[in-house]
Amino acid sequence: MLFSGAAVITTPPTSAGQRLFPLSRDMISDRLRQPAPEHEHDDLHTIALKEGVRVTEAAVLVPLVNRAAGVQVLLTQRTEHLRDHGSQVSFPGGRVDPGDADREATALREMEEEVGLAGNRITLLGRLPNYEIPSGFRITPVVGWIEPPFDVEPDAFEVADIFEAPLDHFLDPANYQRREYHFRGRHRHYLAIPWEGRYIWGATAGMLYSLCRMFRQP
């Protein structure tokens, strides 16, 4: 874990609304074009800029897979030896390269490099709000839609595992935990959302919670 001294806070995040929007590709795309709700948990969103950390621009792909049993979220488990966020569950993504035309190009390039799925297999639906983390990354989450069947070829250097989890799990605010840790002399907060033995936390959980809030009725 990146931070020490973490402790569970039992109060779950608050949420606006009770019903979920239909999980069709068009409905998701339409919803992403609506104004994004403001962050409820901005402790990590603003830490980089507030404390003068040098910001590194990055982008991730939030891959939604249209399975017969329901829409799934594709996630990766990073290898242990990576300097940045090793062993953590994450979305495919990374730093913006000078040759990238935009954040979407970054997300698609990283998806192909890490997972082995080419950009022409992915329909881009929109963006989630940017997410800033203490290490100085400002992440643009790009949501993409994938129709099966498809094969994956993980990059063995960066990716230890690739798995899918039901989108419905991440659209239920009751599944999120608000946690606390001590960082740079202050108490901070972050979100976690466990799933079948996987510990999804930090920026990945925060971006999933942004997706959750986007798809709750106002």
C-alpha atoms as a PDB file:
ATOM      1  CA  MET A   1       0.000   0.000   0.000  1.00  0.00           C
ATOM      2  CA  LEU A   2       1.257   3.448  -0.874  1.00  0.00           C
ATOM      3  CA  PHE A   3       0.326   5.061   2.439  1.00  0.00           C
ATOM      4  CA  SER A   4       0.836   3.879   6.006  1.00  0.00           C
ATOM      5  CA  GLY A   5      -1.415   4.288   8.989  1.00  0.00           C
ATOM      6  CA  ALA A   6      -4.669   3.598   7.122  1.00  0.00           C
ATOM      7  CA  ALA A   7      -7.816   3.015   9.163  1.00  0.00           C
ATOM      8  CA  VAL A   8     -11.382   2.236   8.168  1.00  0.00           C
ATOM      9  CA  ILE A   9     -14.024   4.916   8.655  1.00  0.00           C
ATOM     10  CA  THR A  10     -17.327   3.080   8.797  1.00  0.00           C
ATOM     11  CA  THR A  11     -19.516   5.915   7.491  1.00  0.00           C
ATOM     12  CA  PRO A  12     -20.099   5.216   3.783  1.00  0.00           C
ATOM     13  CA  PRO A  13     -19.995   8.004   1.199  1.00  0.00           C
ATOM     14  CA  THR A  14     -23.201   9.918   0.690  1.00  0.00           C
ATOM     15  CA  SER A  15     -25.003   9.595  -2.626  1.00  0.00           C
ATOM     16  CA  ALA A  16     -27.604  11.538  -4.570  1.00  0.00           C
ATOM     17  CA  GLY A  17     -30.400   9.360  -5.915  1.00  0.00           C
ATOM     18  CA  GLN A  18     -31.574   5.787  -5.692  1.00  0.00           C
ATOM     19  CA  ARG A  19     -32.192   4.412  -9.204  1.00  0.00           C
ATOM     20  CA  LEU A  20     -29.581   3.523 -11.792  1.00  0.00           C
ATOM     21  CA  PHE A  21     -29.769   4.599 -15.412  1.00  0.00           C
ATOM     22  CA  PRO A  22     -30.079   1.784 -17.992  1.00  0.00           C
ATOM     23  CA  LEU A  23     -26.668   0.408 -18.806  1.00  0.00           C
ATOM     24  CA  SER A  24     -26.808   0.702 -22.587  1.00  0.00           C
ATOM     25  CA  ARG A  25     -23.919   2.216 -24.511  1.00  0.00           C
ATOM     26  CA  ASP A  26     -26.016   5.173 -25.658  1.00  0.00           C
ATOM     27  CA  MET A  27     -27.294   5.957 -22.160  1.00  0.00           C
ATOM     28  CA  ILE A  28     -23.780   5.860 -20.746  1.00  0.00           C
ATOM     29  CA  SER A  29     -22.513   8.130 -23.509  1.00  0.00           C
ATOM     30  CA  ASP A  30     -25.390  10.569 -22.982  1.00  0.00           C
ATOM     31  CA  ARG A  31     -24.805  10.667 -19.240  1.00  0.00           C
ATOM     32  CA  LEU A  32     -21.111  11.400 -19.667  1.00  0.00           C
ATOM     33  CA  ARG A  33     -22.021  14.472 -21.698  1.00  0.00           C
ATOM     34  CA  GLN A  34     -23.949  15.923 -18.746  1.00  0.00           C
ATOM     35  CA  PRO A  35     -22.254  18.266 -16.243  1.00  0.00           C
ATOM     36  CA  ALA A  36     -20.247  16.248 -13.762  1.00  0.00           C
ATOM     37  CA  PRO A  37     -21.193  16.436 -10.072  1.00  0.00           C
ATOM     38  CA  GLU A  38     -18.623  18.104  -7.866  1.00  0.00           C
ATOM     39  CA  HIS A  39     -16.357  15.808  -5.905  1.00  0.00           C
ATOM     40  CA  GLU A  40     -17.685  14.808  -2.500  1.00  0.00           C
ATOM     41  CA  HIS A  41     -14.247  13.631  -1.382  1.00  0.00           C
ATOM     42  CA  ASP A  42     -11.777  16.206  -2.629  1.00  0.00           C
ATOM     43  CA  ASP A  43      -8.923  15.505  -0.220  1.00  0.00           C
ATOM     44  CA  LEU A  44      -6.938  13.602  -2.837  1.00  0.00           C
ATOM     45  CA  HIS A  45      -8.319  15.475  -5.836  1.00  0.00           C
ATOM     46  CA  THR A  46      -6.645  18.742  -4.876  1.00  0.00           C
ATOM     47  CA  ILE A  47      -3.654  17.668  -2.824  1.00  0.00           C
ATOM     48  CA  ALA A  48      -1.142  17.957  -5.688  1.00  0.00           C
ATOM     49  CA  LEU A  49      -1.971  21.523  -6.663  1.00  0.00           C
ATOM     50  CA  LYS A  50      -2.585  22.737  -3.112  1.00  0.00           C
ATOM     51  CA  GLU A  51       0.804  21.592  -1.885  1.00  0.00           C
ATOM     52  CA  GLY A  52       2.820  22.729  -4.892  1.00  0.00           C
ATOM     53  CA  VAL A  53       3.636  19.245  -6.171  1.00  0.00           C
ATOM     54  CA  ARG A  54       4.827  19.228  -9.773  1.00  0.00           C
ATOM     55  CA  VAL A  55       1.919  17.952 -11.849  1.00  0.00           C
ATOM     56  CA  THR A  56       2.379  15.167 -14.409  1.00  0.00           C
ATOM     57  CA  GLU A  57      -0.435  14.796 -16.928  1.00  0.00           C
ATOM     58  CA  ALA A  58      -1.756  11.263 -17.406  1.00  0.00           C
ATOM     59  CA  ALA A  59      -4.775   9.430 -18.774  1.00  0.00           C
ATOM     60  CA  VAL A  60      -6.410   6.070 -18.162  1.00  0.00           C
ATOM     61  CA  LEU A  61      -8.992   4.055 -20.038  1.00  0.00           C
ATOM     62  CA  VAL A  62     -12.064   2.965 -18.063  1.00  0.00           C
ATOM     63  CA  PRO A  63     -12.973  -0.081 -20.183  1.00  0.00           C
ATOM     64  CA  LEU A  64     -16.620  -1.227 -20.083  1.00  0.00           C
ATOM     65  CA  VAL A  65     -17.173  -4.689 -21.573  1.00  0.00           C
ATOM     66  CA  ASN A  66     -20.639  -5.548 -22.914  1.00  0.00           C
ATOM     67  CA  ARG A  67     -21.052  -9.093 -21.575  1.00  0.00           C
ATOM     68  CA  ALA A  68     -24.307 -11.057 -21.861  1.00  0.00           C
ATOM     69  CA  ALA A  69     -24.523 -11.236 -18.058  1.00  0.00           C
ATOM     70  CA  GLY A  70     -24.171  -7.461 -17.748  1.00  0.00           C
ATOM     71  CA  VAL A  71     -21.640  -4.712 -18.315  1.00  0.00           C
ATOM     72  CA  GLN A  72     -18.244  -5.434 -16.756  1.00  0.00           C
ATOM     73  CA  VAL A  73     -15.336  -3.155 -15.859  1.00  0.00           C
ATOM     74  CA  LEU A  74     -11.930  -4.373 -17.043  1.00  0.00           C
ATOM     75  CA  LEU A  75      -9.152  -3.767 -14.509  1.00  0.00           C
ATOM     76  CA  THR A  76      -5.491  -4.667 -14.186  1.00  0.00           C
ATOM     77  CA  GLN A  77      -3.311  -5.702 -11.245  1.00  0.00           C
ATOM     78  CA  ARG A  78       0.061  -3.991 -11.549  1.00  0.00           C
ATOM     79  CA  THR A  79       3.280  -5.938 -11.026  1.00  0.00           C
ATOM     80  CA  GLU A  80       5.031  -5.589  -7.672  1.00  0.00           C
ATOM     81  CA  HIS A  81       8.303  -4.120  -8.927  1.00  0.00           C
ATOM     82  CA  LEU A  82       6.833  -0.994 -10.542  1.00  0.00           C
ATOM     83  CA  ARG A  83       8.016   2.240  -8.921  1.00  0.00           C
ATOM     84  CA  ASP A  84       4.636   3.966  -9.211  1.00  0.00           C
ATOM     85  CA  HIS A  85       1.778   2.164  -7.446  1.00  0.00           C
ATOM     86  CA  GLY A  86       3.155  -1.373  -7.743  1.00  0.00           C
ATOM     87  CA  SER A  87       0.734  -4.255  -6.974  1.00  0.00           C
ATOM     88  CA  GLN A  88      -2.285  -1.961  -7.034  1.00  0.00           C
ATOM     89  CA  VAL A  89      -5.480  -2.528  -8.997  1.00  0.00           C
ATOM     90  CA  SER A  90      -5.700   0.090 -11.708  1.00  0.00           C
ATOM     91  CA  PHE A  91      -7.056   1.055 -15.086  1.00  0.00           C
ATOM     92  CA  PRO A  92      -4.771   0.773 -18.115  1.00  0.00           C
ATOM     93  CA  GLY A  93      -3.061   4.132 -18.431  1.00  0.00           C
ATOM     94  CA  GLY A  94      -0.003   6.272 -17.961  1.00  0.00           C
ATOM     95  CA  ARG A  95       1.764   9.545 -18.648  1.00  0.00           C
ATOM     96  CA  VAL A  96       0.856  11.700 -21.612  1.00  0.00           C
ATOM     97  CA  ASP A  97       3.533  11.414 -24.303  1.00  0.00           C
ATOM     98  CA  PRO A  98       4.491  14.428 -26.462  1.00  0.00           C
ATOM     99  CA  GLY A  99       3.232  12.587 -29.548  1.00  0.00           C
ATOM    100  CA  ASP A 100      -0.253  11.951 -28.133  1.00  0.00           C
ATOM    101  CA  ALA A 101      -2.890  14.036 -29.917  1.00  0.00           C
ATOM    102  CA  ASP A 102      -5.104  14.214 -26.817  1.00  0.00           C
ATOM    103  CA  ARG A 103      -5.942  12.374 -23.598  1.00  0.00           C
ATOM    104  CA  GLU A 104      -8.019   9.864 -25.547  1.00  0.00           C
ATOM    105  CA  ALA A 105      -4.957   8.988 -27.629  1.00  0.00           C
ATOM    106  CA  THR A 106      -2.961   8.464 -24.434  1.00  0.00           C
ATOM    107  CA  ALA A 107      -5.611   6.169 -22.954  1.00  0.00           C
ATOM    108  CA  LEU A 108      -5.911   4.076 -26.125  1.00  0.00           C
ATOM    109  CA  ARG A 109      -2.143   3.802 -26.536  1.00  0.00           C
ATOM    110  CA  GLU A 110      -1.701   2.661 -22.944  1.00  0.00           C
ATOM    111  CA  MET A 111      -4.562   0.172 -23.301  1.00  0.00           C
ATOM    112  CA  GLU A 112      -2.854  -1.428 -26.289  1.00  0.00           C
ATOM    113  CA  GLU A 113       0.562  -1.418 -24.611  1.00  0.00           C
ATOM    114  CA  GLU A 114      -0.619  -2.892 -21.293  1.00  0.00           C
ATOM    115  CA  VAL A 115      -3.544  -5.118 -22.298  1.00  0.00           C
ATOM    116  CA  GLY A 116      -2.879  -5.785 -25.978  1.00  0.00           C
ATOM    117  CA  LEU A 117      -6.255  -4.540 -27.217  1.00  0.00           C
ATOM    118  CA  ALA A 118      -6.066  -2.178 -30.195  1.00  0.00           C
ATOM    119  CA  GLY A 119      -7.889   1.135 -30.212  1.00  0.00           C
ATOM    120  CA  ASN A 120     -10.065   0.154 -33.181  1.00  0.00           C
ATOM    121  CA  ARG A 121     -11.840  -2.337 -30.895  1.00  0.00           C
ATOM    122  CA  ILE A 122     -12.873   0.415 -28.477  1.00  0.00           C
ATOM    123  CA  THR A 123     -15.682   2.971 -28.803  1.00  0.00           C
ATOM    124  CA  LEU A 124     -14.950   6.091 -26.763  1.00  0.00           C
ATOM    125  CA  LEU A 125     -17.947   7.339 -24.763  1.00  0.00           C
ATOM    126  CA  GLY A 126     -16.623  10.365 -22.887  1.00  0.00           C
ATOM    127  CA  ARG A 127     -14.558  11.519 -19.930  1.00  0.00           C
ATOM    128  CA  LEU A 128     -14.916  11.502 -16.170  1.00  0.00           C
ATOM    129  CA  PRO A 129     -13.635  14.432 -14.059  1.00  0.00           C
ATOM    130  CA  ASN A 130      -9.860  14.691 -13.726  1.00  0.00           C
ATOM    131  CA  TYR A 131      -8.364  13.063 -10.648  1.00  0.00           C
ATOM    132  CA  GLU A 132      -5.217  14.291  -8.876  1.00  0.00           C
ATOM    133  CA  ILE A 133      -3.122  12.115  -6.583  1.00  0.00           C
ATOM    134  CA  PRO A 134      -0.386  12.897  -4.033  1.00  0.00           C
ATOM    135  CA  SER A 135       2.402  11.635  -6.298  1.00  0.00           C
ATOM    136  CA  GLY A 136       1.593  14.542  -8.625  1.00  0.00           C
ATOM    137  CA  PHE A 137      -0.332  12.824 -11.404  1.00  0.00           C
ATOM    138  CA  ARG A 138      -3.373  14.590 -12.833  1.00  0.00           C
ATOM    139  CA  ILE A 139      -5.344  11.772 -14.429  1.00  0.00           C
ATOM    140  CA  THR A 140      -7.968  12.122 -17.152  1.00  0.00           C
ATOM    141  CA  PRO A 141     -10.265   9.055 -17.099  1.00  0.00           C
ATOM    142  CA  VAL A 142     -11.576   8.186 -20.587  1.00  0.00           C
ATOM    143  CA  VAL A 143     -14.523   5.768 -20.718  1.00  0.00           C
ATOM    144  CA  GLY A 144     -14.490   3.184 -23.511  1.00  0.00           C
ATOM    145  CA  TRP A 145     -16.954   0.509 -24.664  1.00  0.00           C
ATOM    146  CA  ILE A 146     -15.753  -2.921 -25.807  1.00  0.00           C
ATOM    147  CA  GLU A 147     -17.774  -5.573 -27.614  1.00  0.00           C
ATOM    148  CA  PRO A 148     -16.618  -9.171 -27.101  1.00  0.00           C
ATOM    149  CA  PRO A 149     -15.138 -11.474 -28.149  1.00  0.00           C
ATOM    150  CA  PHE A 150     -11.605 -10.180 -27.825  1.00  0.00           C
ATOM    151  CA  ASP A 151      -8.229 -11.466 -26.697  1.00  0.00           C
ATOM    152  CA  VAL A 152      -5.805  -9.798 -24.311  1.00  0.00           C
ATOM    153  CA  GLU A 153      -2.001  -9.938 -24.286  1.00  0.00           C
ATOM    154  CA  PRO A 154      -0.830  -8.344 -21.030  1.00  0.00           C
ATOM    155  CA  ASP A 155       2.539  -6.650 -20.849  1.00  0.00           C
ATOM    156  CA  ALA A 156       4.372  -8.927 -18.428  1.00  0.00           C
ATOM    157  CA  PHE A 157       6.559  -6.074 -17.152  1.00  0.00           C
ATOM    158  CA  GLU A 158       3.637  -3.887 -16.040  1.00  0.00           C
ATOM    159  CA  VAL A 159       0.609  -6.167 -15.673  1.00  0.00           C
ATOM    160  CA  ALA A 160       0.395  -9.127 -13.301  1.00  0.00           C
ATOM    161  CA  ASP A 161      -3.279  -9.884 -13.973  1.00  0.00           C
ATOM    162  CA  ILE A 162      -6.309  -8.716 -15.947  1.00  0.00           C
ATOM    163  CA  PHE A 163      -9.813  -9.270 -14.606  1.00  0.00           C
ATOM    164  CA  GLU A 164     -13.377  -8.035 -14.954  1.00  0.00           C
ATOM    165  CA  ALA A 165     -15.851  -7.009 -12.257  1.00  0.00           C
ATOM    166  CA  PRO A 166     -19.554  -6.123 -12.605  1.00  0.00           C
ATOM    167  CA  LEU A 167     -20.261  -2.456 -13.252  1.00  0.00           C
ATOM    168  CA  ASP A 168     -23.321  -2.793 -11.003  1.00  0.00           C
ATOM    169  CA  HIS A 169     -20.991  -3.395  -8.046  1.00  0.00           C
ATOM    170  CA  PHE A 170     -19.299  -0.043  -8.620  1.00  0.00           C
ATOM    171  CA  LEU A 171     -22.569   1.821  -9.175  1.00  0.00           C
ATOM    172  CA  ASP A 172     -23.810   1.005  -5.663  1.00  0.00           C
ATOM    173  CA  PRO A 173     -22.503   3.654  -3.234  1.00  0.00           C
ATOM    174  CA  ALA A 174     -23.076   1.298  -0.298  1.00  0.00           C
ATOM    175  CA  ASN A 175     -20.126  -0.805  -1.507  1.00  0.00           C
ATOM    176  CA  TYR A 176     -17.610   2.008  -1.000  1.00  0.00           C
ATOM    177  CA  GLN A 177     -15.590   2.506   2.174  1.00  0.00           C
ATOM    178  CA  ARG A 178     -14.144   5.832   3.250  1.00  0.00           C
ATOM    179  CA  ARG A 179     -10.708   5.358   4.778  1.00  0.00           C
ATOM    180  CA  GLU A 180      -8.233   7.548   6.600  1.00  0.00           C
ATOM    181  CA  TYR A 181      -4.438   7.727   6.652  1.00  0.00           C
ATOM    182  CA  HIS A 182      -1.700  10.037   7.893  1.00  0.00           C
ATOM    183  CA  PHE A 183       0.274  11.797   5.148  1.00  0.00           C
ATOM    184  CA  ARG A 184       2.629  14.797   5.349  1.00  0.00           C
ATOM    185  CA  GLY A 185       1.569  15.585   8.882  1.00  0.00           C
ATOM    186  CA  ARG A 186      -2.168  15.562   8.185  1.00  0.00           C
ATOM    187  CA  HIS A 187      -5.050  13.131   8.213  1.00  0.00           C
ATOM    188  CA  ARG A 188      -6.238  12.393   4.676  1.00  0.00           C
ATOM    189  CA  HIS A 189      -9.092  10.393   3.253  1.00  0.00           C
ATOM    190  CA  TYR A 190      -9.512   8.059   0.315  1.00  0.00           C
ATOM    191  CA  LEU A 191     -12.056   5.534  -0.956  1.00  0.00           C
ATOM    192  CA  ALA A 192     -11.853   1.751  -1.225  1.00  0.00           C
ATOM    193  CA  ILE A 193     -14.220  -0.772  -2.783  1.00  0.00           C
ATOM    194  CA  PRO A 194     -13.304  -4.435  -2.222  1.00  0.00           C
ATOM    195  CA  TRP A 195     -14.531  -7.057  -4.689  1.00  0.00           C
ATOM    196  CA  GLU A 196     -14.063 -10.832  -4.347  1.00  0.00           C
ATOM    197  CA  GLY A 197     -10.720 -10.624  -2.603  1.00  0.00           C
ATOM    198  CA  ARG A 198      -9.463  -7.682  -4.678  1.00  0.00           C
ATOM    199  CA  TYR A 199      -8.654  -4.500  -2.797  1.00  0.00           C
ATOM    200  CA  ILE A 200      -9.500  -1.586  -5.094  1.00  0.00           C
ATOM    201  CA  TRP A 201      -8.577   1.721  -3.520  1.00  0.00           C
ATOM    202  CA  GLY A 202      -7.162   5.198  -3.992  1.00  0.00           C
ATOM    203  CA  ALA A 203      -7.364   6.803  -7.421  1.00  0.00           C
ATOM    204  CA  THR A 204      -8.996   3.774  -9.060  1.00  0.00           C
ATOM    205  CA  ALA A 205     -11.738   3.624  -6.433  1.00  0.00           C
ATOM    206  CA  GLY A 206     -12.116   7.407  -6.605  1.00  0.00           C
ATOM    207  CA  MET A 207     -12.619   7.357 -10.364  1.00  0.00           C
ATOM    208  CA  LEU A 208     -15.082   4.480 -10.065  1.00  0.00           C
ATOM    209  CA  TYR A 209     -16.982   6.503  -7.482  1.00  0.00           C
ATOM    210  CA  SER A 210     -17.082   9.429  -9.920  1.00  0.00           C
ATOM    211  CA  LEU A 211     -18.650   7.027 -12.419  1.00  0.00           C
ATOM    212  CA  CYS A 212     -21.098   5.881  -9.744  1.00  0.00           C
ATOM    213  CA  ARG A 213     -22.202   9.442  -9.045  1.00  0.00           C
ATOM    214  CA  MET A 214     -22.580  10.208 -12.749  1.00  0.00           C
ATOM    215  CA  PHE A 215     -25.082   7.379 -13.083  1.00  0.00           C
ATOM    216  CA  ARG A 216     -27.268   8.085 -10.077  1.00  0.00           C
ATOM    217  CA  GLN A 217     -30.553   9.897 -10.560  1.00  0.00           C
ATOM    218  CA  PRO A 218     -30.241  13.553  -9.494  1.00  0.00           C
END
